[in-house]
């Protein structure tokens, strides 16, 4: 059974940094695109950053220049380095991955990030 497990969330002060990690485990033969989404209370889930298996990245305008997505293909892991965080970054962050060429993405259970101002 394939699963994604996020870690690294927590409470951080505005202006600080946090690094999220997500490990994909189970019967994995291929890891394609990986991404981070987030959902703040009362808001729709939104894409934060995406990284292809080739390393190309895209970011939401709200995090450009502050967040960096990266991956370790050998370990089926994706990271999100969050710098200069703001109160509006407070949300549950979800790891998403396209695995094993399936037509549906796999989702983690999420990790809470809370930014205090």
N, C-alpha and C. Protein backbone atom coordinates (compact mmCIF):
# COMPACT_ATOMS: atom_id res chain seq x y z
N UNK A 1 0.85 -1.19 0.00
CA UNK A 1 0.00 0.00 0.00
C UNK A 1 0.88 1.24 0.00
N UNK A 2 0.58 2.15 -0.91
CA UNK A 2 1.36 3.38 -1.02
C UNK A 2 0.82 4.42 -0.05
N UNK A 3 1.71 5.12 0.61
CA UNK A 3 1.27 6.21 1.47
C UNK A 3 2.28 7.34 1.46
N UNK A 4 1.77 8.54 1.71
CA UNK A 4 2.59 9.74 1.83
C UNK A 4 2.48 10.23 3.27
N UNK A 5 3.61 10.52 3.87
CA UNK A 5 3.62 10.98 5.25
C UNK A 5 4.41 12.28 5.34
N UNK A 6 3.70 13.33 5.77
CA UNK A 6 4.34 14.64 5.93
C UNK A 6 4.89 14.80 7.34
N UNK A 7 5.90 15.65 7.46
CA UNK A 7 6.44 16.00 8.77
C UNK A 7 7.05 17.39 8.68
N UNK A 8 7.31 17.96 9.85
CA UNK A 8 8.00 19.25 9.89
C UNK A 8 7.11 20.43 10.21
N UNK A 9 5.80 20.21 10.27
CA UNK A 9 4.92 21.32 10.60
C UNK A 9 5.06 21.72 12.06
N UNK A 10 4.43 22.84 12.40
CA UNK A 10 4.49 23.31 13.77
C UNK A 10 4.19 24.78 13.86
N UNK A 11 4.58 25.36 14.98
CA UNK A 11 4.35 26.79 15.24
C UNK A 11 5.65 27.55 14.98
N UNK A 12 5.53 28.64 14.23
CA UNK A 12 6.70 29.45 13.89
C UNK A 12 6.29 30.91 13.93
N UNK A 13 7.21 31.75 14.30
CA UNK A 13 6.94 33.19 14.33
C UNK A 13 7.02 33.78 12.93
N UNK A 14 6.27 34.81 12.70
CA UNK A 14 6.33 35.52 11.42
C UNK A 14 7.76 35.95 11.15
N UNK A 15 8.19 35.75 9.91
CA UNK A 15 9.56 36.07 9.54
C UNK A 15 10.52 34.91 9.68
N UNK A 16 10.06 33.84 10.32
CA UNK A 16 10.91 32.68 10.56
C UNK A 16 10.87 31.69 9.40
N UNK A 17 11.44 30.52 9.66
CA UNK A 17 11.55 29.49 8.64
C UNK A 17 11.06 28.15 9.16
N UNK A 18 10.66 27.31 8.22
CA UNK A 18 10.19 25.96 8.54
C UNK A 18 10.47 25.11 7.32
N UNK A 19 10.79 23.84 7.55
CA UNK A 19 11.02 22.92 6.44
C UNK A 19 10.11 21.71 6.57
N UNK A 20 9.27 21.53 5.57
CA UNK A 20 8.38 20.38 5.53
C UNK A 20 9.01 19.27 4.70
N UNK A 21 8.74 18.04 5.10
CA UNK A 21 9.20 16.87 4.36
C UNK A 21 8.02 15.94 4.12
N UNK A 22 8.12 15.19 3.05
CA UNK A 22 7.08 14.20 2.74
C UNK A 22 7.76 12.99 2.11
N UNK A 23 7.53 11.84 2.71
CA UNK A 23 8.12 10.61 2.21
C UNK A 23 7.02 9.72 1.63
N UNK A 24 7.24 9.26 0.43
CA UNK A 24 6.35 8.30 -0.19
C UNK A 24 6.89 6.90 0.06
N UNK A 25 6.06 6.01 0.56
CA UNK A 25 6.52 4.66 0.87
C UNK A 25 5.52 3.63 0.37
N UNK A 26 5.97 2.40 0.34
CA UNK A 26 5.13 1.32 -0.15
C UNK A 26 5.67 0.78 -1.46
N UNK A 27 4.79 0.17 -2.23
CA UNK A 27 5.17 -0.44 -3.50
C UNK A 27 5.24 0.64 -4.59
N UNK A 28 6.36 1.33 -4.65
CA UNK A 28 6.52 2.44 -5.59
C UNK A 28 7.52 2.05 -6.67
N UNK A 29 7.09 2.10 -7.91
CA UNK A 29 7.97 1.79 -9.03
C UNK A 29 8.32 3.05 -9.81
N UNK A 30 7.52 4.10 -9.64
CA UNK A 30 7.80 5.34 -10.34
C UNK A 30 7.22 6.52 -9.56
N UNK A 31 8.00 7.58 -9.47
CA UNK A 31 7.54 8.82 -8.83
C UNK A 31 7.61 9.93 -9.86
N UNK A 32 6.47 10.45 -10.21
CA UNK A 32 6.41 11.52 -11.22
C UNK A 32 6.37 12.88 -10.51
N UNK A 33 5.42 13.72 -10.85
CA UNK A 33 5.35 15.04 -10.23
C UNK A 33 4.99 14.93 -8.76
N UNK A 34 5.52 15.86 -7.98
CA UNK A 34 5.18 15.95 -6.56
C UNK A 34 4.84 17.41 -6.26
N UNK A 35 4.02 17.62 -5.26
CA UNK A 35 3.55 18.98 -5.01
C UNK A 35 3.15 19.16 -3.54
N UNK A 36 3.03 20.40 -3.17
CA UNK A 36 2.48 20.79 -1.87
C UNK A 36 1.24 21.65 -2.11
N UNK A 37 0.18 21.31 -1.42
CA UNK A 37 -1.04 22.10 -1.38
C UNK A 37 -1.22 22.58 0.06
N UNK A 38 -2.09 23.55 0.23
CA UNK A 38 -2.43 23.98 1.58
C UNK A 38 -3.90 24.40 1.62
N UNK A 39 -4.44 24.32 2.82
CA UNK A 39 -5.82 24.76 3.03
C UNK A 39 -5.89 25.49 4.36
N UNK A 40 -6.25 26.75 4.28
CA UNK A 40 -6.44 27.56 5.48
C UNK A 40 -7.90 27.47 5.92
N UNK A 41 -8.18 27.74 7.18
CA UNK A 41 -9.56 27.68 7.67
C UNK A 41 -10.48 28.57 6.86
N UNK A 42 -11.58 28.00 6.39
CA UNK A 42 -12.57 28.76 5.66
C UNK A 42 -12.19 29.07 4.22
N UNK A 43 -11.07 28.52 3.76
CA UNK A 43 -10.63 28.79 2.40
C UNK A 43 -10.50 27.51 1.60
N UNK A 44 -10.47 27.66 0.28
CA UNK A 44 -10.30 26.50 -0.58
C UNK A 44 -8.84 26.03 -0.57
N UNK A 45 -8.69 24.75 -0.84
CA UNK A 45 -7.34 24.21 -0.95
C UNK A 45 -6.66 24.82 -2.16
N UNK A 46 -5.38 25.15 -2.03
CA UNK A 46 -4.67 25.78 -3.14
C UNK A 46 -3.30 25.14 -3.34
N UNK A 47 -2.83 25.19 -4.57
CA UNK A 47 -1.51 24.69 -4.90
C UNK A 47 -0.46 25.68 -4.41
N UNK A 48 0.51 25.19 -3.70
CA UNK A 48 1.61 26.03 -3.20
C UNK A 48 2.81 25.93 -4.14
N UNK A 49 3.21 24.71 -4.46
CA UNK A 49 4.38 24.51 -5.32
C UNK A 49 4.33 23.11 -5.92
N UNK A 50 4.93 22.99 -7.08
CA UNK A 50 4.94 21.72 -7.81
C UNK A 50 6.34 21.49 -8.36
N UNK A 51 6.76 20.23 -8.39
CA UNK A 51 8.06 19.89 -8.97
C UNK A 51 7.91 18.63 -9.81
N UNK A 52 8.39 18.68 -11.04
CA UNK A 52 8.29 17.52 -11.93
C UNK A 52 9.40 16.52 -11.61
N UNK A 53 9.33 15.36 -12.22
CA UNK A 53 10.38 14.38 -12.00
C UNK A 53 11.71 14.86 -12.58
N UNK A 54 11.63 15.81 -13.50
CA UNK A 54 12.85 16.39 -14.06
C UNK A 54 13.39 17.57 -13.27
N UNK A 55 12.65 18.00 -12.26
CA UNK A 55 13.12 19.09 -11.41
C UNK A 55 12.57 20.47 -11.73
N UNK A 56 11.69 20.57 -12.73
CA UNK A 56 11.09 21.86 -13.03
C UNK A 56 10.08 22.22 -11.94
N UNK A 57 10.06 23.50 -11.57
CA UNK A 57 9.22 23.92 -10.45
C UNK A 57 8.27 25.04 -10.85
N UNK A 58 7.13 25.09 -10.17
CA UNK A 58 6.20 26.20 -10.28
C UNK A 58 5.73 26.55 -8.88
N UNK A 59 5.38 27.82 -8.68
CA UNK A 59 4.97 28.31 -7.38
C UNK A 59 3.74 29.18 -7.49
N UNK A 60 2.96 29.19 -6.42
CA UNK A 60 1.89 30.16 -6.30
C UNK A 60 2.53 31.54 -6.16
N UNK A 61 1.87 32.55 -6.71
CA UNK A 61 2.42 33.91 -6.63
C UNK A 61 2.66 34.34 -5.19
N UNK A 62 1.81 33.88 -4.29
CA UNK A 62 1.89 34.31 -2.90
C UNK A 62 3.13 33.80 -2.17
N UNK A 63 3.81 32.79 -2.72
CA UNK A 63 4.98 32.22 -2.04
C UNK A 63 6.26 32.37 -2.84
N UNK A 64 6.17 32.91 -4.04
CA UNK A 64 7.37 33.06 -4.87
C UNK A 64 8.41 33.91 -4.15
N UNK A 65 9.66 33.45 -4.19
CA UNK A 65 10.74 34.16 -3.53
C UNK A 65 10.89 33.84 -2.06
N UNK A 66 9.92 33.14 -1.48
CA UNK A 66 9.99 32.79 -0.06
C UNK A 66 10.07 31.28 0.16
N UNK A 67 9.36 30.51 -0.65
CA UNK A 67 9.32 29.06 -0.51
C UNK A 67 10.12 28.40 -1.62
N UNK A 68 10.71 27.25 -1.30
CA UNK A 68 11.44 26.47 -2.29
C UNK A 68 11.06 25.00 -2.17
N UNK A 69 10.64 24.43 -3.29
CA UNK A 69 10.32 23.01 -3.32
C UNK A 69 11.51 22.26 -3.92
N UNK A 70 11.81 21.11 -3.36
CA UNK A 70 12.90 20.28 -3.88
C UNK A 70 12.55 18.81 -3.63
N UNK A 71 13.33 17.93 -4.20
CA UNK A 71 13.02 16.50 -4.05
C UNK A 71 14.30 15.68 -4.05
N UNK A 72 14.19 14.53 -3.42
CA UNK A 72 15.25 13.53 -3.44
C UNK A 72 14.65 12.29 -4.06
N UNK A 73 14.91 12.07 -5.33
CA UNK A 73 14.28 10.97 -6.04
C UNK A 73 14.68 9.61 -5.48
N UNK A 74 15.90 9.50 -5.02
CA UNK A 74 16.37 8.22 -4.48
C UNK A 74 15.60 7.82 -3.23
N UNK A 75 15.08 8.82 -2.52
CA UNK A 75 14.37 8.55 -1.27
C UNK A 75 12.87 8.82 -1.39
N UNK A 76 12.39 9.08 -2.61
CA UNK A 76 10.96 9.36 -2.81
C UNK A 76 10.45 10.43 -1.83
N UNK A 77 11.23 11.47 -1.71
CA UNK A 77 10.93 12.51 -0.73
C UNK A 77 10.85 13.87 -1.41
N UNK A 78 9.91 14.67 -0.96
CA UNK A 78 9.79 16.04 -1.43
C UNK A 78 9.84 16.96 -0.22
N UNK A 79 10.44 18.12 -0.41
CA UNK A 79 10.62 19.08 0.67
C UNK A 79 9.97 20.41 0.30
N UNK A 80 9.64 21.17 1.32
CA UNK A 80 9.20 22.55 1.12
C UNK A 80 9.91 23.40 2.15
N UNK A 81 10.86 24.20 1.69
CA UNK A 81 11.55 25.13 2.56
C UNK A 81 10.76 26.43 2.58
N UNK A 82 10.32 26.81 3.76
CA UNK A 82 9.47 27.99 3.91
C UNK A 82 10.26 29.05 4.67
N UNK A 83 10.55 30.14 4.00
CA UNK A 83 11.28 31.25 4.62
C UNK A 83 10.41 32.49 4.67
N UNK A 84 10.75 33.40 5.57
CA UNK A 84 10.02 34.67 5.70
C UNK A 84 8.52 34.41 5.77
N UNK A 85 8.12 33.47 6.60
CA UNK A 85 6.71 33.09 6.67
C UNK A 85 5.87 34.25 7.20
N UNK A 86 4.61 34.23 6.78
CA UNK A 86 3.66 35.27 7.17
C UNK A 86 2.47 34.61 7.84
N UNK A 87 1.68 35.41 8.53
CA UNK A 87 0.49 34.87 9.20
C UNK A 87 -0.44 34.19 8.19
N UNK A 88 -0.50 34.70 6.99
CA UNK A 88 -1.39 34.13 5.98
C UNK A 88 -0.89 32.80 5.43
N UNK A 89 0.29 32.37 5.82
CA UNK A 89 0.77 31.03 5.45
C UNK A 89 0.22 29.96 6.38
N UNK A 90 -0.47 30.36 7.43
CA UNK A 90 -1.07 29.40 8.35
C UNK A 90 -2.09 28.54 7.62
N UNK A 91 -1.89 27.23 7.68
CA UNK A 91 -2.76 26.31 6.95
C UNK A 91 -2.33 24.87 7.25
N UNK A 92 -3.15 23.94 6.82
CA UNK A 92 -2.72 22.55 6.78
C UNK A 92 -2.05 22.33 5.42
N UNK A 93 -0.85 21.81 5.44
CA UNK A 93 -0.09 21.58 4.21
C UNK A 93 -0.14 20.10 3.85
N UNK A 94 -0.49 19.84 2.61
CA UNK A 94 -0.64 18.48 2.11
C UNK A 94 0.40 18.18 1.03
N UNK A 95 0.95 17.01 1.13
CA UNK A 95 1.85 16.49 0.10
C UNK A 95 1.01 15.71 -0.91
N UNK A 96 1.31 15.90 -2.19
CA UNK A 96 0.60 15.22 -3.26
C UNK A 96 1.63 14.66 -4.23
N UNK A 97 1.40 13.45 -4.71
CA UNK A 97 2.36 12.86 -5.64
C UNK A 97 1.68 12.01 -6.68
N UNK A 98 2.19 12.09 -7.88
CA UNK A 98 1.79 11.18 -8.96
C UNK A 98 2.75 10.00 -8.92
N UNK A 99 2.20 8.83 -8.65
CA UNK A 99 3.04 7.64 -8.46
C UNK A 99 2.58 6.51 -9.34
N UNK A 100 3.55 5.73 -9.80
CA UNK A 100 3.25 4.47 -10.50
C UNK A 100 2.37 4.66 -11.73
N UNK A 101 2.43 5.85 -12.33
CA UNK A 101 1.69 6.15 -13.56
C UNK A 101 0.18 5.96 -13.40
N UNK A 102 -0.33 6.07 -12.18
CA UNK A 102 -1.77 5.97 -11.99
C UNK A 102 -2.43 7.28 -12.41
N UNK A 103 -3.70 7.25 -12.82
CA UNK A 103 -4.37 8.48 -13.26
C UNK A 103 -4.82 9.36 -12.11
N UNK A 104 -4.66 8.90 -10.87
CA UNK A 104 -5.08 9.71 -9.73
C UNK A 104 -3.87 10.04 -8.87
N UNK A 105 -3.84 11.20 -8.24
CA UNK A 105 -2.72 11.54 -7.36
C UNK A 105 -2.92 10.94 -5.97
N UNK A 106 -1.83 10.74 -5.28
CA UNK A 106 -1.87 10.29 -3.90
C UNK A 106 -1.71 11.51 -2.98
N UNK A 107 -2.46 11.49 -1.88
CA UNK A 107 -2.43 12.61 -0.94
C UNK A 107 -1.96 12.12 0.43
N UNK A 108 -1.18 12.98 1.09
CA UNK A 108 -0.88 12.74 2.48
C UNK A 108 -2.01 13.24 3.36
N UNK A 109 -1.86 13.03 4.67
CA UNK A 109 -2.91 13.44 5.60
C UNK A 109 -2.77 14.90 6.02
N UNK A 110 -1.64 15.49 5.74
CA UNK A 110 -1.45 16.90 6.04
C UNK A 110 -0.67 17.15 7.32
N UNK A 111 -0.04 18.31 7.36
CA UNK A 111 0.67 18.74 8.56
C UNK A 111 0.34 20.21 8.81
N UNK A 112 0.05 20.54 10.06
CA UNK A 112 -0.38 21.89 10.40
C UNK A 112 0.81 22.82 10.51
N UNK A 113 0.70 23.97 9.86
CA UNK A 113 1.68 25.05 10.00
C UNK A 113 0.94 26.27 10.54
N UNK A 114 1.41 26.77 11.66
CA UNK A 114 0.79 27.94 12.27
C UNK A 114 1.85 29.02 12.43
N UNK A 115 1.56 30.18 11.87
CA UNK A 115 2.49 31.31 11.95
C UNK A 115 1.92 32.34 12.90
N UNK A 116 2.66 32.65 13.94
CA UNK A 116 2.21 33.65 14.92
C UNK A 116 2.78 35.01 14.54
N UNK A 117 1.94 36.02 14.67
CA UNK A 117 2.38 37.37 14.29
C UNK A 117 2.76 38.18 15.52
